[in-house]
N, C-alpha and C. Protein backbone atom coordinates (compact mmCIF):
# COMPACT_ATOMS: atom_id res chain seq x y z
N GLN A 1 97.10 67.83 135.08
CA GLN A 1 96.84 68.54 133.93
C GLN A 1 96.44 69.97 134.38
N VAL A 2 96.63 70.87 133.35
CA VAL A 2 96.29 72.22 133.55
C VAL A 2 95.36 72.79 132.52
N GLN A 3 94.53 73.57 132.96
CA GLN A 3 93.56 74.26 131.95
C GLN A 3 93.68 75.81 132.13
N LEU A 4 93.71 76.31 130.82
CA LEU A 4 93.79 77.58 130.64
C LEU A 4 92.21 78.15 130.09
N VAL A 5 91.68 79.03 130.76
CA VAL A 5 90.47 79.67 130.34
C VAL A 5 90.47 81.09 130.12
N GLU A 6 90.15 81.49 128.95
CA GLU A 6 90.08 82.86 128.49
C GLU A 6 88.77 83.46 128.63
N SER A 7 88.51 84.66 128.92
CA SER A 7 87.29 85.36 128.90
C SER A 7 87.52 86.69 128.57
N GLY A 8 86.39 87.52 128.31
CA GLY A 8 86.51 88.91 128.00
C GLY A 8 86.47 89.36 126.56
N GLY A 9 86.37 88.37 125.69
CA GLY A 9 86.22 88.70 124.21
C GLY A 9 84.87 89.19 123.96
N GLY A 10 84.84 89.80 122.54
CA GLY A 10 83.41 90.37 122.23
C GLY A 10 83.46 91.22 121.21
N LEU A 11 82.42 91.94 120.90
CA LEU A 11 82.28 92.80 119.72
C LEU A 11 82.41 94.25 120.20
N VAL A 12 83.29 95.03 119.37
CA VAL A 12 83.55 96.35 119.93
C VAL A 12 83.78 97.24 118.61
N GLN A 13 83.54 98.39 118.78
CA GLN A 13 83.81 99.37 117.78
C GLN A 13 85.26 99.73 117.54
N ALA A 14 85.58 100.21 116.52
CA ALA A 14 87.12 100.83 116.27
C ALA A 14 87.26 101.89 117.29
N GLY A 15 88.37 101.88 117.79
CA GLY A 15 88.72 102.79 118.85
C GLY A 15 88.35 102.43 120.27
N GLY A 16 87.59 101.57 120.60
CA GLY A 16 87.15 100.87 121.66
C GLY A 16 88.18 100.14 122.36
N SER A 17 87.81 99.46 123.53
CA SER A 17 88.79 98.83 124.33
C SER A 17 88.15 97.48 125.07
N LEU A 18 88.96 96.40 125.04
CA LEU A 18 88.54 95.15 125.76
C LEU A 18 89.65 94.73 126.79
N ARG A 19 89.27 94.00 127.69
CA ARG A 19 90.22 93.47 128.53
C ARG A 19 90.17 91.94 128.55
N LEU A 20 90.91 91.09 128.25
CA LEU A 20 90.93 89.78 128.07
C LEU A 20 91.68 89.19 129.37
N SER A 21 91.05 88.20 129.96
CA SER A 21 91.56 87.52 131.01
C SER A 21 91.97 86.03 130.78
N CYS A 22 93.02 85.38 131.34
CA CYS A 22 93.21 83.90 131.18
C CYS A 22 93.54 83.34 132.54
N VAL A 23 92.75 82.60 133.10
CA VAL A 23 92.98 81.91 134.44
C VAL A 23 93.58 80.46 134.13
N ALA A 24 94.67 80.07 134.79
CA ALA A 24 95.22 78.71 134.80
C ALA A 24 94.69 78.07 135.98
N SER A 25 94.33 76.86 135.95
CA SER A 25 93.97 75.96 137.12
C SER A 25 94.56 74.45 136.91
N GLY A 26 94.62 73.81 138.07
CA GLY A 26 95.13 72.43 138.01
C GLY A 26 96.28 72.37 138.99
N SER A 27 96.91 71.29 138.73
CA SER A 27 98.07 71.05 139.81
C SER A 27 99.34 71.76 139.44
N ILE A 28 99.12 73.00 139.64
CA ILE A 28 100.20 74.04 139.18
C ILE A 28 101.30 74.16 140.27
N VAL A 29 102.61 73.95 139.97
CA VAL A 29 103.67 74.12 140.92
C VAL A 29 104.34 75.53 140.63
N SER A 30 104.62 75.89 139.35
CA SER A 30 105.31 77.13 138.90
C SER A 30 104.77 77.54 137.65
N MET A 31 104.44 78.81 137.45
CA MET A 31 104.19 79.33 136.05
C MET A 31 105.33 80.23 135.57
N TYR A 32 105.56 80.15 134.28
CA TYR A 32 106.83 80.71 133.81
C TYR A 32 106.17 81.77 132.80
N LEU A 33 106.67 81.84 131.46
CA LEU A 33 106.42 82.71 130.61
C LEU A 33 104.84 82.59 130.19
N MET A 34 104.01 83.64 130.22
CA MET A 34 102.70 83.71 129.80
C MET A 34 102.65 84.65 128.56
N SER A 35 101.70 84.13 127.67
CA SER A 35 101.50 84.77 126.33
C SER A 35 100.17 84.91 125.67
N TRP A 36 99.91 85.94 125.08
CA TRP A 36 98.72 85.94 124.12
C TRP A 36 99.24 85.89 122.82
N TYR A 37 98.38 84.97 122.05
CA TYR A 37 98.51 84.98 120.56
C TYR A 37 97.09 85.33 119.84
N ARG A 38 97.31 85.38 118.73
CA ARG A 38 95.94 85.55 117.99
C ARG A 38 95.94 85.06 116.57
N GLN A 39 94.73 84.60 116.11
CA GLN A 39 94.68 84.00 114.83
C GLN A 39 93.52 84.63 113.90
N ALA A 40 93.77 85.31 113.02
CA ALA A 40 92.65 85.91 112.08
C ALA A 40 92.29 84.94 111.22
N PRO A 41 91.02 85.05 110.60
CA PRO A 41 90.51 84.02 109.56
C PRO A 41 91.63 84.00 108.38
N GLY A 42 91.97 82.80 108.01
CA GLY A 42 92.97 82.54 106.94
C GLY A 42 94.30 82.92 107.03
N LYS A 43 94.65 83.40 108.30
CA LYS A 43 95.95 83.80 108.68
C LYS A 43 96.67 82.74 109.66
N GLN A 44 97.89 82.74 109.82
CA GLN A 44 98.68 82.02 110.88
C GLN A 44 98.59 82.67 112.15
N ARG A 45 98.53 81.67 113.26
CA ARG A 45 98.54 82.31 114.54
C ARG A 45 99.74 83.10 114.84
N GLU A 46 99.76 84.36 115.36
CA GLU A 46 100.93 85.21 115.68
C GLU A 46 100.77 85.54 117.10
N LEU A 47 102.15 85.88 117.55
CA LEU A 47 102.17 86.24 118.86
C LEU A 47 101.87 87.69 119.10
N VAL A 48 101.23 87.96 120.14
CA VAL A 48 100.74 89.29 120.31
C VAL A 48 101.66 89.89 121.48
N ALA A 49 101.73 89.33 122.55
CA ALA A 49 102.44 89.91 123.90
C ALA A 49 103.01 88.62 124.59
N THR A 50 103.96 88.97 125.33
CA THR A 50 104.46 88.03 126.48
C THR A 50 104.82 88.77 127.66
N VAL A 51 104.69 87.89 128.78
CA VAL A 51 105.11 88.44 130.10
C VAL A 51 105.85 87.53 130.94
N THR A 52 107.03 87.72 131.32
CA THR A 52 107.85 86.86 132.20
C THR A 52 107.14 86.77 133.63
N SER A 53 107.71 85.70 134.29
CA SER A 53 107.09 85.38 135.70
C SER A 53 107.48 86.72 136.46
N SER A 54 108.56 87.54 136.26
CA SER A 54 108.81 88.67 137.05
C SER A 54 107.90 89.84 136.47
N GLY A 55 107.09 89.76 135.56
CA GLY A 55 106.29 90.90 134.86
C GLY A 55 106.78 91.73 133.79
N ASN A 56 108.14 91.21 133.18
CA ASN A 56 108.65 91.97 131.97
C ASN A 56 107.80 91.79 130.84
N PRO A 57 107.25 92.63 130.23
CA PRO A 57 106.49 92.48 128.87
C PRO A 57 107.24 92.64 127.51
N ASN A 58 106.75 91.96 126.50
CA ASN A 58 107.21 92.31 125.28
C ASN A 58 105.94 92.22 124.31
N TYR A 59 106.01 93.02 123.25
CA TYR A 59 104.89 93.18 122.51
C TYR A 59 105.21 93.04 120.95
N ALA A 60 104.35 92.58 120.19
CA ALA A 60 104.50 92.67 118.82
C ALA A 60 104.42 94.19 118.33
N ASP A 61 105.11 94.49 117.22
CA ASP A 61 105.23 95.88 116.82
C ASP A 61 103.70 96.34 116.57
N SER A 62 102.87 95.49 116.18
CA SER A 62 101.60 95.95 115.61
C SER A 62 100.70 96.35 116.89
N VAL A 63 100.92 96.06 118.03
CA VAL A 63 100.09 96.40 119.10
C VAL A 63 100.87 97.22 120.19
N LYS A 64 102.20 97.57 119.96
CA LYS A 64 102.73 98.36 120.86
C LYS A 64 102.23 99.76 121.04
N GLY A 65 102.14 100.20 122.31
CA GLY A 65 101.44 101.52 122.56
C GLY A 65 100.02 101.35 122.67
N ARG A 66 99.34 100.12 122.28
CA ARG A 66 97.94 99.95 122.29
C ARG A 66 97.46 98.98 123.39
N PHE A 67 98.21 97.87 123.33
CA PHE A 67 98.09 96.66 124.24
C PHE A 67 98.93 96.86 125.43
N THR A 68 98.42 96.36 126.64
CA THR A 68 99.29 95.99 127.75
C THR A 68 99.04 94.63 128.28
N ILE A 69 100.16 93.86 128.56
CA ILE A 69 99.90 92.53 129.06
C ILE A 69 100.32 92.72 130.53
N SER A 70 99.68 91.86 131.37
CA SER A 70 100.01 92.01 132.74
C SER A 70 99.70 90.66 133.43
N ARG A 71 100.19 90.28 134.60
CA ARG A 71 99.68 89.08 135.41
C ARG A 71 99.73 89.23 136.74
N ASP A 72 98.82 88.39 137.39
CA ASP A 72 98.69 88.23 138.85
C ASP A 72 99.12 86.92 139.25
N ASN A 73 100.27 86.74 139.59
CA ASN A 73 100.76 85.37 140.11
C ASN A 73 100.10 84.59 141.02
N THR A 74 99.40 85.63 142.06
CA THR A 74 98.72 85.02 143.17
C THR A 74 97.38 84.33 142.75
N LYS A 75 96.96 84.77 141.47
CA LYS A 75 95.73 84.31 140.86
C LYS A 75 95.90 83.43 139.74
N ASN A 76 97.15 83.18 139.21
CA ASN A 76 97.53 82.29 138.06
C ASN A 76 96.71 82.93 136.89
N THR A 77 96.77 84.15 136.82
CA THR A 77 96.01 84.94 135.80
C THR A 77 96.83 85.81 135.03
N VAL A 78 96.57 85.91 133.65
CA VAL A 78 97.27 86.88 132.76
C VAL A 78 96.15 87.74 132.02
N TYR A 79 96.50 89.02 131.69
CA TYR A 79 95.55 89.83 131.21
C TYR A 79 96.05 90.56 129.98
N LEU A 80 95.13 90.91 129.14
CA LEU A 80 95.58 91.72 128.07
C LEU A 80 94.62 92.84 127.91
N GLN A 81 95.05 94.04 128.17
CA GLN A 81 94.21 95.16 128.01
C GLN A 81 94.57 95.71 126.67
N MET A 82 93.37 95.78 125.81
CA MET A 82 93.51 96.24 124.59
C MET A 82 92.75 97.59 124.36
N ASN A 83 93.50 98.53 123.97
CA ASN A 83 92.91 100.02 123.76
C ASN A 83 93.12 100.40 122.26
N SER A 84 92.36 101.34 121.79
CA SER A 84 92.36 102.01 120.44
C SER A 84 92.30 100.75 119.43
N LEU A 85 91.43 99.91 119.72
CA LEU A 85 91.32 98.75 118.76
C LEU A 85 90.99 99.13 117.42
N LYS A 86 91.42 98.19 116.48
CA LYS A 86 91.36 98.40 114.97
C LYS A 86 90.69 97.22 114.36
N PRO A 87 90.03 97.42 113.28
CA PRO A 87 89.37 96.16 112.64
C PRO A 87 90.46 95.04 112.40
N GLU A 88 91.74 95.46 112.07
CA GLU A 88 92.71 94.40 111.97
C GLU A 88 93.08 93.69 113.24
N ASP A 89 92.52 94.01 114.39
CA ASP A 89 92.75 93.32 115.59
C ASP A 89 91.80 92.19 115.56
N THR A 90 90.82 92.10 114.76
CA THR A 90 89.86 91.06 114.76
C THR A 90 90.58 89.72 114.64
N ALA A 91 90.35 88.64 115.66
CA ALA A 91 90.90 87.65 115.68
C ALA A 91 90.29 86.78 116.89
N VAL A 92 90.80 85.43 116.76
CA VAL A 92 90.54 84.58 117.96
C VAL A 92 91.94 84.78 118.78
N TYR A 93 91.72 85.23 120.18
CA TYR A 93 92.88 85.52 121.01
C TYR A 93 93.10 84.12 121.75
N TYR A 94 94.35 83.61 122.00
CA TYR A 94 94.66 82.47 122.75
C TYR A 94 95.66 82.88 123.63
N CYS A 95 95.53 82.24 124.99
CA CYS A 95 96.30 82.30 125.98
C CYS A 95 97.46 81.23 125.93
N ASN A 96 98.60 81.47 126.30
CA ASN A 96 99.51 80.31 126.37
C ASN A 96 100.58 80.48 127.51
N ALA A 97 100.95 79.29 128.15
CA ALA A 97 101.60 79.53 129.27
C ALA A 97 102.43 78.13 129.41
N TRP A 98 103.81 78.37 129.92
CA TRP A 98 104.59 77.37 130.47
C TRP A 98 104.29 77.04 131.92
N VAL A 99 104.08 75.93 132.27
CA VAL A 99 103.70 75.56 133.57
C VAL A 99 104.16 74.36 134.08
N THR A 100 104.91 74.30 135.33
CA THR A 100 105.23 73.10 135.84
C THR A 100 104.37 72.58 136.76
N THR A 101 103.99 71.38 136.56
CA THR A 101 103.19 70.47 137.47
C THR A 101 103.85 69.39 138.32
N ALA A 102 105.08 69.02 137.69
CA ALA A 102 105.88 68.01 138.34
C ALA A 102 107.29 68.30 138.34
N THR A 103 107.86 67.87 137.16
CA THR A 103 109.33 67.97 137.36
C THR A 103 109.94 69.06 136.34
N PHE A 104 109.22 69.14 135.14
CA PHE A 104 109.59 70.30 134.13
C PHE A 104 108.61 70.98 133.58
N PRO A 105 108.75 72.10 132.91
CA PRO A 105 107.51 72.90 132.48
C PRO A 105 107.10 72.28 131.16
N LEU A 106 105.74 72.44 131.04
CA LEU A 106 105.03 72.03 129.76
C LEU A 106 104.34 73.23 129.27
N ASN A 107 103.99 73.22 127.84
CA ASN A 107 103.19 74.25 127.27
C ASN A 107 101.86 73.85 127.25
N TYR A 108 101.06 74.88 127.49
CA TYR A 108 99.55 74.73 127.52
C TYR A 108 98.93 75.86 126.67
N TRP A 109 97.75 75.59 125.99
CA TRP A 109 97.02 76.52 125.30
C TRP A 109 95.41 76.58 125.92
N GLY A 110 95.00 77.92 125.81
CA GLY A 110 93.53 77.96 126.08
C GLY A 110 92.85 77.85 124.90
N GLN A 111 91.55 77.74 125.07
CA GLN A 111 90.47 77.39 123.85
C GLN A 111 90.43 78.64 123.00
N GLY A 112 90.67 79.71 123.36
CA GLY A 112 90.35 80.90 122.58
C GLY A 112 89.24 81.70 122.85
N THR A 113 89.34 83.04 122.72
CA THR A 113 88.17 83.76 122.83
C THR A 113 88.14 84.84 121.70
N GLN A 114 86.83 84.97 121.04
CA GLN A 114 86.91 85.81 119.81
C GLN A 114 86.72 87.42 120.14
N VAL A 115 87.56 88.15 119.37
CA VAL A 115 87.57 89.55 119.48
C VAL A 115 87.27 90.03 118.04
N THR A 116 86.09 90.85 117.93
CA THR A 116 85.68 91.44 116.56
C THR A 116 85.66 93.09 116.95
N VAL A 117 86.28 93.60 116.00
CA VAL A 117 86.30 94.99 115.99
C VAL A 117 85.81 95.54 114.70
N SER A 118 84.65 96.12 114.90
CA SER A 118 83.97 96.78 113.67
C SER A 118 84.27 98.22 113.30
N SER A 119 84.33 98.59 112.02
CA SER A 119 84.68 99.64 111.62
C SER A 119 83.64 100.74 111.43
């Protein structure tokens, strides 16, 4: 089994910054695409950013230029640096990863970390 554990959420004023981390642990053979999603109250979960195993990022239009996703493959960790935060960024942020433990990749989710941006 694989566990994803997020950290780094909290309360911040608009314009501030936070850095989220997600560490994967377990019987990991390989890690592939890693992503951050978020879900605001009353809204569907949405994709925020992805990063491939080679480090190529992609972003939702709403966070381009403000958020940076990165990963450290030696630590099985993905990060999300969030700058110039806005109240509309308030949500529970979830880590997601495709991980191979035996023969083929499976998809895993973290438990989420709350980010609250005050105006």
